[in-house]
Amino acid sequence: MRWFLAFAFCALPAFAEGERAGEFDYYVLSLSWSPTFCALTGDARGEDQCDPRHDYSFTLHGLWPQFEFGWPSYCRTGARDPSRAETKAMADIMGSSGLAWHEWKKHGRCSGLSSADYFSAARQAYEKVEFPEVLATLRKDVKLPVHVVEDAFIEANPDLDATMITVTCEAGRIDEARICLTRDLDFRPCGLDAARDCRMEDALMEAVR
C-alpha cells in the first residue's frame, strides 16, 4: 500500500516558490551516495568531491524543510546570506561550497534560521545518523535490492523504522537515502509525498572512491 500511495502522490507539484520563512512541518535529511553523483555528473565536471583522496560515501545533499504535503522553496527571509567561509566550511560533508550555497538559497532560507544556525542544524542532522559500516566502507561495486540499503540504515539506527526513510535511484543506481526528522531533529515518519522508495532488485551501488 505504501508504494501505491507514494506513486500516486510523487508526480504532484510542490507549493509555489517564495513562501514565508519558518513555516514548515518537518525536515527531510537528504544523503547522497557520492559515487553515483560522481559517475553521473561530478566526474564530467571535474568536481573536487570526486577526487579519490576524499573517499566519500554518503554526503549531505541537504536539510529540506517540508510540509506534511508539499515543500517550500526559495522563501522570503530577512536572514543574511552566508559568507564564503561559511559555505566552504560545509564542504567536508557536502562535497563543495557551491552545493552549500545552493542549498541555502533553495531550502535554508525556508528554515527561518540564520545561515549559521541552518548549517549547524544540517551538520547536527548529518552527524545524528549512523551510516551502516558495510556501506560506508564499500570497496567493490555491487548490485543489490534497494531494500537492503534501507534495512542497513534501520539496523544501524535503532530509533529509525521503515516509515522514516526512503531510498531513491537514478539511472539504475542507488542515489540517495532520505530520512525524515522533526524540527528538533528527531526521527519521525515521512509524509506520503516524501515516501518515494525505489523498488529495484538489482540497483548498482558503486564502491566508495
N, C-alpha and C. Protein backbone atom coordinates (compact mmCIF):
# COMPACT_ATOMS: atom_id res chain seq x y z
N MET A 1 0.83 -1.21 0.00
CA MET A 1 0.00 0.00 0.00
C MET A 1 0.86 1.25 0.00
N ARG A 2 1.99 1.22 0.78
CA ARG A 2 2.82 2.41 0.86
C ARG A 2 3.36 2.81 -0.51
N TRP A 3 3.80 1.80 -1.32
CA TRP A 3 4.35 2.14 -2.62
C TRP A 3 3.30 2.73 -3.53
N PHE A 4 2.03 2.24 -3.41
CA PHE A 4 0.98 2.76 -4.26
C PHE A 4 0.68 4.22 -3.93
N LEU A 5 0.59 4.52 -2.64
CA LEU A 5 0.33 5.90 -2.24
C LEU A 5 1.47 6.81 -2.65
N ALA A 6 2.70 6.32 -2.49
CA ALA A 6 3.84 7.14 -2.89
C ALA A 6 3.80 7.43 -4.38
N PHE A 7 3.46 6.41 -5.20
CA PHE A 7 3.38 6.60 -6.64
C PHE A 7 2.28 7.60 -6.98
N ALA A 8 1.16 7.53 -6.27
CA ALA A 8 0.03 8.40 -6.56
C ALA A 8 0.36 9.86 -6.30
N PHE A 9 1.20 10.10 -5.30
CA PHE A 9 1.50 11.48 -4.92
C PHE A 9 2.77 12.04 -5.54
N CYS A 10 3.69 11.17 -5.99
CA CYS A 10 5.02 11.67 -6.32
C CYS A 10 5.03 12.59 -7.52
N ALA A 11 4.02 12.52 -8.40
CA ALA A 11 4.02 13.38 -9.58
C ALA A 11 3.40 14.75 -9.31
N LEU A 12 2.83 14.94 -8.14
CA LEU A 12 2.18 16.20 -7.85
C LEU A 12 3.20 17.26 -7.46
N PRO A 13 2.94 18.53 -7.78
CA PRO A 13 3.95 19.57 -7.58
C PRO A 13 4.08 20.01 -6.14
N ALA A 14 5.20 20.65 -5.86
CA ALA A 14 5.39 21.31 -4.58
C ALA A 14 4.57 22.59 -4.56
N PHE A 15 4.53 23.24 -3.42
CA PHE A 15 3.91 24.54 -3.33
C PHE A 15 4.66 25.53 -4.22
N ALA A 16 4.05 26.65 -4.51
CA ALA A 16 4.73 27.68 -5.29
C ALA A 16 5.93 28.20 -4.51
N GLU A 17 6.91 28.72 -5.25
CA GLU A 17 8.11 29.25 -4.60
C GLU A 17 7.81 30.54 -3.87
N GLY A 18 8.67 30.86 -2.89
CA GLY A 18 8.58 32.15 -2.23
C GLY A 18 7.73 32.18 -0.98
N GLU A 19 7.52 31.03 -0.34
CA GLU A 19 6.76 31.01 0.90
C GLU A 19 7.49 31.77 2.01
N ARG A 20 6.79 32.00 3.10
CA ARG A 20 7.38 32.71 4.22
C ARG A 20 8.32 31.80 4.99
N ALA A 21 9.48 32.30 5.32
CA ALA A 21 10.48 31.52 6.04
C ALA A 21 9.96 31.06 7.39
N GLY A 22 10.32 29.85 7.78
CA GLY A 22 9.98 29.32 9.10
C GLY A 22 8.66 28.59 9.16
N GLU A 23 7.89 28.59 8.08
CA GLU A 23 6.61 27.91 8.07
C GLU A 23 6.76 26.57 7.37
N PHE A 24 6.96 25.52 8.16
CA PHE A 24 7.07 24.16 7.65
C PHE A 24 6.80 23.20 8.79
N ASP A 25 6.67 21.90 8.46
CA ASP A 25 6.29 20.91 9.47
C ASP A 25 7.42 20.01 9.94
N TYR A 26 8.31 19.65 9.04
CA TYR A 26 9.42 18.77 9.42
C TYR A 26 10.53 18.90 8.40
N TYR A 27 11.61 18.16 8.61
CA TYR A 27 12.74 18.18 7.69
C TYR A 27 12.90 16.84 6.98
N VAL A 28 13.41 16.90 5.77
CA VAL A 28 13.97 15.72 5.11
C VAL A 28 15.49 15.91 5.04
N LEU A 29 16.20 14.96 5.61
CA LEU A 29 17.66 14.93 5.52
C LEU A 29 18.02 14.08 4.31
N SER A 30 18.59 14.70 3.30
CA SER A 30 18.91 14.00 2.06
C SER A 30 20.40 13.67 2.02
N LEU A 31 20.71 12.37 1.94
CA LEU A 31 22.07 11.87 1.94
C LEU A 31 22.37 11.28 0.57
N SER A 32 23.34 11.85 -0.11
CA SER A 32 23.67 11.43 -1.47
C SER A 32 24.79 10.39 -1.47
N TRP A 33 24.61 9.31 -2.28
CA TRP A 33 25.70 8.35 -2.44
C TRP A 33 26.69 8.96 -3.41
N SER A 34 27.82 9.41 -2.90
CA SER A 34 28.77 10.20 -3.68
C SER A 34 29.25 9.50 -4.96
N PRO A 35 29.52 8.19 -4.95
CA PRO A 35 29.95 7.55 -6.19
C PRO A 35 28.93 7.67 -7.32
N THR A 36 27.63 7.69 -6.99
CA THR A 36 26.62 7.88 -8.04
C THR A 36 26.67 9.29 -8.58
N PHE A 37 26.75 10.28 -7.70
CA PHE A 37 26.88 11.66 -8.16
C PHE A 37 28.09 11.81 -9.08
N CYS A 38 29.21 11.22 -8.69
CA CYS A 38 30.42 11.37 -9.49
C CYS A 38 30.27 10.69 -10.85
N ALA A 39 29.70 9.49 -10.86
CA ALA A 39 29.56 8.76 -12.12
C ALA A 39 28.62 9.46 -13.09
N LEU A 40 27.56 10.05 -12.58
CA LEU A 40 26.54 10.64 -13.45
C LEU A 40 26.79 12.10 -13.76
N THR A 41 27.47 12.82 -12.86
CA THR A 41 27.62 14.27 -13.02
C THR A 41 29.01 14.77 -12.69
N GLY A 42 29.49 14.42 -11.52
CA GLY A 42 30.69 15.04 -10.97
C GLY A 42 31.96 14.79 -11.76
N ASP A 43 32.16 13.56 -12.26
CA ASP A 43 33.39 13.27 -13.00
C ASP A 43 33.49 14.15 -14.24
N ALA A 44 32.40 14.28 -14.98
CA ALA A 44 32.41 15.06 -16.22
C ALA A 44 32.68 16.53 -15.95
N ARG A 45 32.31 17.00 -14.76
CA ARG A 45 32.52 18.41 -14.42
C ARG A 45 33.84 18.64 -13.69
N GLY A 46 34.56 17.57 -13.44
CA GLY A 46 35.83 17.70 -12.72
C GLY A 46 35.65 18.15 -11.29
N GLU A 47 34.57 17.72 -10.64
CA GLU A 47 34.29 18.14 -9.27
C GLU A 47 35.36 17.62 -8.30
N ASP A 48 35.83 18.48 -7.43
CA ASP A 48 36.80 18.07 -6.43
C ASP A 48 36.26 16.95 -5.54
N GLN A 49 34.96 16.95 -5.31
CA GLN A 49 34.35 15.90 -4.49
C GLN A 49 34.71 14.50 -4.99
N CYS A 50 34.94 14.37 -6.28
CA CYS A 50 35.16 13.07 -6.90
C CYS A 50 36.63 12.67 -6.95
N ASP A 51 37.50 13.51 -6.43
CA ASP A 51 38.91 13.16 -6.35
C ASP A 51 39.08 12.00 -5.36
N PRO A 52 39.81 10.96 -5.72
CA PRO A 52 39.92 9.78 -4.85
C PRO A 52 40.46 10.06 -3.46
N ARG A 53 41.13 11.19 -3.27
CA ARG A 53 41.70 11.45 -1.94
C ARG A 53 40.62 11.65 -0.88
N HIS A 54 39.37 11.93 -1.31
CA HIS A 54 38.30 12.21 -0.35
C HIS A 54 37.66 10.94 0.21
N ASP A 55 37.52 9.91 -0.61
CA ASP A 55 36.95 8.65 -0.12
C ASP A 55 35.54 8.84 0.44
N TYR A 56 34.70 9.63 -0.25
CA TYR A 56 33.34 9.90 0.23
C TYR A 56 32.42 8.69 0.03
N SER A 57 31.51 8.51 0.96
CA SER A 57 30.42 7.54 0.80
C SER A 57 29.12 8.34 0.72
N PHE A 58 28.40 8.47 1.84
CA PHE A 58 27.21 9.31 1.86
C PHE A 58 27.61 10.75 2.22
N THR A 59 27.25 11.68 1.38
CA THR A 59 27.47 13.09 1.66
C THR A 59 26.13 13.76 1.91
N LEU A 60 26.19 14.93 2.52
CA LEU A 60 24.97 15.69 2.80
C LEU A 60 24.54 16.43 1.55
N HIS A 61 23.42 16.02 0.98
CA HIS A 61 22.83 16.80 -0.12
C HIS A 61 22.15 18.03 0.46
N GLY A 62 21.30 17.82 1.48
CA GLY A 62 20.66 18.98 2.08
C GLY A 62 19.75 18.61 3.22
N LEU A 63 19.34 19.63 3.96
CA LEU A 63 18.34 19.52 5.01
C LEU A 63 17.16 20.36 4.54
N TRP A 64 16.05 19.69 4.18
CA TRP A 64 14.97 20.34 3.46
C TRP A 64 13.72 20.52 4.33
N PRO A 65 13.33 21.76 4.62
CA PRO A 65 12.04 21.98 5.26
C PRO A 65 10.92 21.39 4.39
N GLN A 66 9.96 20.79 5.05
CA GLN A 66 8.91 20.04 4.35
C GLN A 66 7.56 20.31 5.01
N PHE A 67 6.51 20.39 4.20
CA PHE A 67 5.16 20.37 4.73
C PHE A 67 4.69 18.91 4.81
N GLU A 68 3.60 18.68 5.52
CA GLU A 68 3.04 17.33 5.52
C GLU A 68 2.70 16.90 4.10
N PHE A 69 2.34 17.87 3.27
CA PHE A 69 2.22 17.61 1.83
C PHE A 69 2.81 18.80 1.09
N GLY A 70 3.82 18.52 0.29
CA GLY A 70 4.50 19.60 -0.43
C GLY A 70 5.67 20.15 0.37
N TRP A 71 6.34 21.12 -0.21
CA TRP A 71 7.53 21.69 0.45
C TRP A 71 7.74 23.11 -0.03
N PRO A 72 8.27 23.95 0.84
CA PRO A 72 8.57 25.34 0.45
C PRO A 72 9.93 25.42 -0.25
N SER A 73 10.15 26.48 -0.98
CA SER A 73 11.47 26.70 -1.60
C SER A 73 11.65 28.18 -1.89
N TYR A 74 12.91 28.59 -1.90
CA TYR A 74 13.28 29.98 -2.20
C TYR A 74 12.41 30.97 -1.41
N CYS A 75 12.36 30.76 -0.11
CA CYS A 75 11.46 31.53 0.75
C CYS A 75 11.95 32.97 0.94
N ARG A 76 11.01 33.80 1.31
CA ARG A 76 11.32 35.19 1.68
C ARG A 76 11.87 35.20 3.10
N THR A 77 13.01 35.82 3.29
CA THR A 77 13.61 35.88 4.62
C THR A 77 14.47 37.13 4.75
N GLY A 78 14.56 37.61 5.98
CA GLY A 78 15.43 38.74 6.24
C GLY A 78 16.82 38.32 6.67
N ALA A 79 17.05 36.98 6.76
CA ALA A 79 18.36 36.49 7.18
C ALA A 79 19.40 36.77 6.10
N ARG A 80 20.58 37.17 6.53
CA ARG A 80 21.64 37.45 5.56
C ARG A 80 22.13 36.15 4.94
N ASP A 81 22.66 36.24 3.74
CA ASP A 81 23.23 35.07 3.09
C ASP A 81 24.55 34.69 3.75
N PRO A 82 24.95 33.44 3.64
CA PRO A 82 26.20 33.00 4.27
C PRO A 82 27.41 33.60 3.58
N SER A 83 28.47 33.72 4.33
CA SER A 83 29.74 34.16 3.76
C SER A 83 30.39 33.00 3.02
N ARG A 84 31.41 33.30 2.23
CA ARG A 84 32.15 32.25 1.55
C ARG A 84 32.79 31.29 2.54
N ALA A 85 33.22 31.85 3.66
CA ALA A 85 33.84 30.99 4.68
C ALA A 85 32.82 30.00 5.24
N GLU A 86 31.57 30.44 5.42
CA GLU A 86 30.54 29.55 5.96
C GLU A 86 30.22 28.42 4.99
N THR A 87 30.08 28.73 3.70
CA THR A 87 29.77 27.67 2.75
C THR A 87 30.97 26.75 2.55
N LYS A 88 32.17 27.30 2.55
CA LYS A 88 33.37 26.48 2.41
C LYS A 88 33.51 25.50 3.56
N ALA A 89 33.09 25.94 4.75
CA ALA A 89 33.21 25.09 5.93
C ALA A 89 32.30 23.86 5.86
N MET A 90 31.30 23.86 4.95
CA MET A 90 30.40 22.72 4.82
C MET A 90 30.90 21.71 3.79
N ALA A 91 31.96 22.04 3.08
CA ALA A 91 32.43 21.17 2.00
C ALA A 91 32.89 19.81 2.50
N ASP A 92 33.31 19.71 3.76
CA ASP A 92 33.80 18.42 4.26
C ASP A 92 32.71 17.36 4.30
N ILE A 93 31.44 17.78 4.44
CA ILE A 93 30.36 16.80 4.45
C ILE A 93 29.43 16.95 3.25
N MET A 94 29.52 18.07 2.51
CA MET A 94 28.66 18.28 1.36
C MET A 94 29.39 18.11 0.04
N GLY A 95 30.70 18.09 0.08
CA GLY A 95 31.46 17.89 -1.13
C GLY A 95 31.92 19.17 -1.80
N SER A 96 31.16 20.26 -1.64
CA SER A 96 31.55 21.53 -2.26
C SER A 96 30.85 22.68 -1.58
N SER A 97 31.49 23.84 -1.64
CA SER A 97 30.86 25.05 -1.11
C SER A 97 29.73 25.50 -2.01
N GLY A 98 29.83 25.18 -3.32
CA GLY A 98 28.78 25.55 -4.25
C GLY A 98 27.45 24.90 -3.91
N LEU A 99 27.49 23.63 -3.53
CA LEU A 99 26.26 22.95 -3.12
C LEU A 99 25.70 23.59 -1.85
N ALA A 100 26.57 23.92 -0.91
CA ALA A 100 26.11 24.55 0.33
C ALA A 100 25.38 25.86 0.03
N TRP A 101 25.92 26.65 -0.89
CA TRP A 101 25.28 27.91 -1.26
C TRP A 101 23.93 27.66 -1.91
N HIS A 102 23.86 26.70 -2.83
CA HIS A 102 22.59 26.38 -3.49
C HIS A 102 21.55 25.91 -2.48
N GLU A 103 21.96 25.04 -1.56
CA GLU A 103 21.02 24.52 -0.58
C GLU A 103 20.50 25.62 0.34
N TRP A 104 21.35 26.57 0.68
CA TRP A 104 20.88 27.70 1.48
C TRP A 104 19.82 28.49 0.72
N LYS A 105 20.09 28.80 -0.54
CA LYS A 105 19.15 29.60 -1.33
C LYS A 105 17.80 28.90 -1.48
N LYS A 106 17.83 27.62 -1.81
CA LYS A 106 16.57 26.92 -2.09
C LYS A 106 15.86 26.44 -0.85
N HIS A 107 16.60 25.95 0.13
CA HIS A 107 15.99 25.30 1.29
C HIS A 107 16.28 26.02 2.61
N GLY A 108 17.52 26.43 2.81
CA GLY A 108 17.89 27.03 4.08
C GLY A 108 17.11 28.27 4.42
N ARG A 109 16.84 29.11 3.42
CA ARG A 109 16.07 30.32 3.67
C ARG A 109 14.67 30.01 4.18
N CYS A 110 14.18 28.80 3.91
CA CYS A 110 12.83 28.43 4.35
C CYS A 110 12.81 27.95 5.80
N SER A 111 13.98 27.74 6.38
CA SER A 111 14.04 27.21 7.75
C SER A 111 13.69 28.25 8.80
N GLY A 112 13.81 29.54 8.46
CA GLY A 112 13.60 30.59 9.44
C GLY A 112 14.82 30.81 10.32
N LEU A 113 15.90 30.10 10.05
CA LEU A 113 17.13 30.21 10.82
C LEU A 113 18.11 31.15 10.12
N SER A 114 19.08 31.63 10.86
CA SER A 114 20.20 32.31 10.23
C SER A 114 20.99 31.28 9.44
N SER A 115 21.83 31.74 8.53
CA SER A 115 22.62 30.80 7.75
C SER A 115 23.53 29.97 8.66
N ALA A 116 24.11 30.60 9.66
CA ALA A 116 24.98 29.87 10.58
C ALA A 116 24.22 28.78 11.33
N ASP A 117 23.01 29.11 11.80
CA ASP A 117 22.22 28.14 12.53
C ASP A 117 21.69 27.04 11.61
N TYR A 118 21.38 27.40 10.37
CA TYR A 118 20.90 26.39 9.43
C TYR A 118 22.00 25.38 9.13
N PHE A 119 23.19 25.86 8.84
CA PHE A 119 24.28 24.94 8.55
C PHE A 119 24.65 24.12 9.79
N SER A 120 24.53 24.72 10.96
CA SER A 120 24.78 23.98 12.18
C SER A 120 23.76 22.86 12.35
N ALA A 121 22.49 23.16 12.08
CA ALA A 121 21.44 22.15 12.16
C ALA A 121 21.65 21.05 11.14
N ALA A 122 22.07 21.43 9.93
CA ALA A 122 22.32 20.44 8.88
C ALA A 122 23.45 19.50 9.28
N ARG A 123 24.50 20.05 9.86
CA ARG A 123 25.61 19.21 10.31
C ARG A 123 25.17 18.31 11.47
N GLN A 124 24.40 18.86 12.38
CA GLN A 124 23.92 18.06 13.50
C GLN A 124 23.06 16.91 13.01
N ALA A 125 22.19 17.18 12.04
CA ALA A 125 21.34 16.13 11.49
C ALA A 125 22.18 15.06 10.80
N TYR A 126 23.16 15.49 10.03
CA TYR A 126 24.04 14.56 9.32
C TYR A 126 24.78 13.67 10.32
N GLU A 127 25.27 14.27 11.38
CA GLU A 127 26.04 13.51 12.37
C GLU A 127 25.17 12.65 13.27
N LYS A 128 23.88 12.91 13.28
CA LYS A 128 22.95 12.12 14.08
C LYS A 128 22.79 10.71 13.51
N VAL A 129 22.90 10.62 12.19
CA VAL A 129 22.65 9.34 11.52
C VAL A 129 23.91 8.49 11.53
N GLU A 130 23.76 7.26 11.97
CA GLU A 130 24.85 6.29 11.93
C GLU A 130 24.83 5.61 10.57
N PHE A 131 25.89 5.79 9.79
CA PHE A 131 25.95 5.15 8.48
C PHE A 131 26.31 3.68 8.64
N PRO A 132 25.61 2.80 7.94
CA PRO A 132 25.96 1.37 8.02
C PRO A 132 27.40 1.15 7.58
N GLU A 133 28.19 0.50 8.41
CA GLU A 133 29.61 0.34 8.12
C GLU A 133 29.83 -0.41 6.83
N VAL A 134 29.00 -1.39 6.55
CA VAL A 134 29.18 -2.19 5.33
C VAL A 134 29.03 -1.34 4.08
N LEU A 135 28.26 -0.26 4.16
CA LEU A 135 28.10 0.64 3.01
C LEU A 135 29.17 1.73 3.01
N ALA A 136 29.42 2.30 4.17
CA ALA A 136 30.38 3.40 4.27
C ALA A 136 31.79 2.97 3.90
N THR A 137 32.07 1.66 3.96
CA THR A 137 33.40 1.15 3.63
C THR A 137 33.36 0.23 2.41
N LEU A 138 32.34 0.38 1.58
CA LEU A 138 32.16 -0.50 0.42
C LEU A 138 33.35 -0.38 -0.53
N ARG A 139 34.02 -1.50 -0.81
CA ARG A 139 35.25 -1.47 -1.60
C ARG A 139 35.11 -2.14 -2.97
N LYS A 140 33.94 -2.60 -3.32
CA LYS A 140 33.73 -3.13 -4.66
C LYS A 140 32.30 -2.82 -5.09
N ASP A 141 32.11 -2.68 -6.39
CA ASP A 141 30.78 -2.41 -6.93
C ASP A 141 29.88 -3.62 -6.67
N VAL A 142 28.63 -3.34 -6.30
CA VAL A 142 27.67 -4.41 -6.07
C VAL A 142 26.33 -4.03 -6.70
N LYS A 143 25.55 -5.04 -7.03
CA LYS A 143 24.15 -4.84 -7.40
C LYS A 143 23.32 -5.52 -6.33
N LEU A 144 22.32 -4.82 -5.84
CA LEU A 144 21.57 -5.30 -4.70
C LEU A 144 20.15 -4.77 -4.71
N PRO A 145 19.23 -5.46 -4.04
CA PRO A 145 17.88 -4.92 -3.87
C PRO A 145 17.94 -3.64 -3.03
N VAL A 146 17.19 -2.64 -3.42
CA VAL A 146 17.27 -1.35 -2.73
C VAL A 146 16.89 -1.47 -1.27
N HIS A 147 15.98 -2.39 -0.95
CA HIS A 147 15.55 -2.51 0.44
C HIS A 147 16.71 -2.91 1.35
N VAL A 148 17.76 -3.49 0.80
CA VAL A 148 18.93 -3.85 1.61
C VAL A 148 19.58 -2.60 2.18
N VAL A 149 19.64 -1.52 1.39
CA VAL A 149 20.21 -0.26 1.87
C VAL A 149 19.35 0.31 2.99
N GLU A 150 18.03 0.31 2.77
CA GLU A 150 17.12 0.81 3.79
C GLU A 150 17.23 -0.02 5.07
N ASP A 151 17.25 -1.33 4.92
CA ASP A 151 17.34 -2.21 6.10
C ASP A 151 18.64 -1.97 6.86
N ALA A 152 19.73 -1.69 6.14
CA ALA A 152 21.01 -1.47 6.79
C ALA A 152 20.98 -0.20 7.65
N PHE A 153 20.34 0.85 7.14
CA PHE A 153 20.20 2.08 7.92
C PHE A 153 19.35 1.83 9.17
N ILE A 154 18.28 1.08 9.02
CA ILE A 154 17.40 0.80 10.16
C ILE A 154 18.13 -0.01 11.22
N GLU A 155 18.94 -0.97 10.78
CA GLU A 155 19.71 -1.77 11.74
C GLU A 155 20.74 -0.93 12.47
N ALA A 156 21.34 0.02 11.77
CA ALA A 156 22.39 0.85 12.37
C ALA A 156 21.84 1.95 13.27
N ASN A 157 20.55 2.26 13.13
CA ASN A 157 19.91 3.35 13.89
C ASN A 157 18.66 2.82 14.56
N PRO A 158 18.75 2.39 15.82
CA PRO A 158 17.64 1.71 16.49
C PRO A 158 16.34 2.51 16.55
N ASP A 159 16.40 3.85 16.52
CA ASP A 159 15.18 4.65 16.60
C ASP A 159 14.55 4.90 15.24
N LEU A 160 15.15 4.36 14.19
CA LEU A 160 14.66 4.55 12.83
C LEU A 160 13.82 3.34 12.42
N ASP A 161 12.71 3.58 11.71
CA ASP A 161 11.95 2.47 11.14
C ASP A 161 11.61 2.77 9.69
N ALA A 162 10.96 1.84 9.03
CA ALA A 162 10.74 1.91 7.58
C ALA A 162 9.86 3.08 7.16
N THR A 163 9.07 3.64 8.07
CA THR A 163 8.23 4.78 7.72
C THR A 163 9.00 6.08 7.70
N MET A 164 10.25 6.06 8.18
CA MET A 164 11.04 7.27 8.38
C MET A 164 12.15 7.45 7.36
N ILE A 165 12.30 6.51 6.44
CA ILE A 165 13.41 6.55 5.48
C ILE A 165 12.91 6.09 4.12
N THR A 166 13.43 6.71 3.09
CA THR A 166 13.19 6.25 1.73
C THR A 166 14.50 6.30 0.97
N VAL A 167 14.70 5.35 0.07
CA VAL A 167 15.92 5.28 -0.74
C VAL A 167 15.53 5.48 -2.20
N THR A 168 16.22 6.36 -2.88
CA THR A 168 15.90 6.68 -4.27
C THR A 168 16.98 6.16 -5.20
N CYS A 169 16.62 6.05 -6.48
CA CYS A 169 17.54 5.58 -7.51
C CYS A 169 17.59 6.59 -8.66
N GLU A 170 18.69 6.54 -9.39
CA GLU A 170 18.81 7.30 -10.63
C GLU A 170 19.66 6.50 -11.60
N ALA A 171 19.16 6.37 -12.83
CA ALA A 171 19.89 5.65 -13.89
C ALA A 171 20.32 4.25 -13.44
N GLY A 172 19.43 3.57 -12.71
CA GLY A 172 19.71 2.21 -12.27
C GLY A 172 20.68 2.10 -11.11
N ARG A 173 20.96 3.21 -10.44
CA ARG A 173 21.93 3.24 -9.35
C ARG A 173 21.28 3.72 -8.06
N ILE A 174 21.83 3.30 -6.93
CA ILE A 174 21.45 3.88 -5.65
C ILE A 174 21.83 5.36 -5.68
N ASP A 175 20.88 6.22 -5.38
CA ASP A 175 21.13 7.66 -5.48
C ASP A 175 21.19 8.32 -4.10
N GLU A 176 20.09 8.25 -3.35
CA GLU A 176 20.04 8.94 -2.06
C GLU A 176 19.30 8.12 -1.03
N ALA A 177 19.65 8.35 0.23
CA ALA A 177 18.85 7.92 1.38
C ALA A 177 18.27 9.18 1.99
N ARG A 178 16.96 9.23 2.14
CA ARG A 178 16.29 10.40 2.68
C ARG A 178 15.59 10.02 3.97
N ILE A 179 15.95 10.73 5.03
CA ILE A 179 15.47 10.42 6.37
C ILE A 179 14.68 11.61 6.90
N CYS A 180 13.52 11.33 7.47
CA CYS A 180 12.63 12.39 7.94
C CYS A 180 12.87 12.67 9.42
N LEU A 181 12.91 13.96 9.73
CA LEU A 181 13.23 14.43 11.07
C LEU A 181 12.24 15.50 11.52
N THR A 182 11.99 15.56 12.81
CA THR A 182 11.19 16.64 13.36
C THR A 182 11.98 17.94 13.28
N ARG A 183 11.34 19.03 13.60
CA ARG A 183 12.04 20.31 13.64
C ARG A 183 13.12 20.31 14.72
N ASP A 184 13.01 19.40 15.69
CA ASP A 184 14.05 19.24 16.72
C ASP A 184 15.07 18.17 16.34
N LEU A 185 14.98 17.68 15.10
CA LEU A 185 15.94 16.74 14.53
C LEU A 185 15.86 15.34 15.14
N ASP A 186 14.66 14.95 15.58
CA ASP A 186 14.41 13.57 15.97
C ASP A 186 13.79 12.82 14.78
N PHE A 187 14.03 11.51 14.69
CA PHE A 187 13.43 10.72 13.63
C PHE A 187 11.90 10.77 13.72
N ARG A 188 11.23 10.83 12.57
CA ARG A 188 9.78 10.82 12.52
C ARG A 188 9.33 10.23 11.18
N PRO A 189 8.05 9.80 11.09
CA PRO A 189 7.56 9.27 9.82
C PRO A 189 7.54 10.34 8.73
N CYS A 190 7.79 9.91 7.52
CA CYS A 190 7.74 10.81 6.37
C CYS A 190 6.31 11.05 5.92
N GLY A 191 6.06 12.22 5.34
CA GLY A 191 4.79 12.45 4.69
C GLY A 191 4.68 11.58 3.44
N LEU A 192 3.47 11.37 2.97
CA LEU A 192 3.26 10.47 1.85
C LEU A 192 4.02 10.89 0.60
N ASP A 193 4.10 12.19 0.36
CA ASP A 193 4.77 12.63 -0.87
C ASP A 193 6.28 12.54 -0.77
N ALA A 194 6.82 12.36 0.42
CA ALA A 194 8.27 12.20 0.60
C ALA A 194 8.68 10.73 0.53
N ALA A 195 7.71 9.82 0.58
CA ALA A 195 8.00 8.39 0.59
C ALA A 195 8.02 7.88 -0.85
N ARG A 196 9.19 7.97 -1.48
CA ARG A 196 9.32 7.62 -2.90
C ARG A 196 10.31 6.47 -3.07
N ASP A 197 10.08 5.40 -2.39
CA ASP A 197 11.02 4.29 -2.41
C ASP A 197 11.27 3.79 -3.83
N CYS A 198 12.52 3.58 -4.15
CA CYS A 198 12.90 2.83 -5.35
C CYS A 198 12.70 1.35 -5.04
N ARG A 199 12.21 0.59 -6.00
CA ARG A 199 11.92 -0.83 -5.78
C ARG A 199 12.81 -1.75 -6.60
N MET A 200 13.90 -1.26 -7.13
CA MET A 200 14.78 -2.09 -7.94
C MET A 200 15.35 -3.26 -7.13
N GLU A 201 15.49 -4.38 -7.79
CA GLU A 201 16.08 -5.56 -7.15
C GLU A 201 17.56 -5.71 -7.49
N ASP A 202 18.05 -4.90 -8.46
CA ASP A 202 19.45 -5.03 -8.87
C ASP A 202 20.07 -3.66 -9.10
N ALA A 203 19.88 -2.75 -8.16
CA ALA A 203 20.43 -1.38 -8.29
C ALA A 203 21.94 -1.43 -8.10
N LEU A 204 22.64 -0.68 -8.92
CA LEU A 204 24.09 -0.59 -8.81
C LEU A 204 24.49 0.34 -7.67
N MET A 205 25.38 -0.13 -6.83
CA MET A 205 25.97 0.69 -5.80
C MET A 205 27.47 0.61 -5.98
N GLU A 206 28.05 1.67 -6.57
CA GLU A 206 29.48 1.66 -6.85
C GLU A 206 30.27 1.79 -5.55
N ALA A 207 31.48 1.28 -5.59
CA ALA A 207 32.36 1.32 -4.43
C ALA A 207 32.71 2.75 -4.05
N VAL A 208 32.98 2.95 -2.77
CA VAL A 208 33.47 4.24 -2.30
C VAL A 208 34.76 4.58 -3.03
N ARG A 209 34.86 5.84 -3.45
CA ARG A 209 36.08 6.25 -4.17
C ARG A 209 36.34 7.73 -3.96
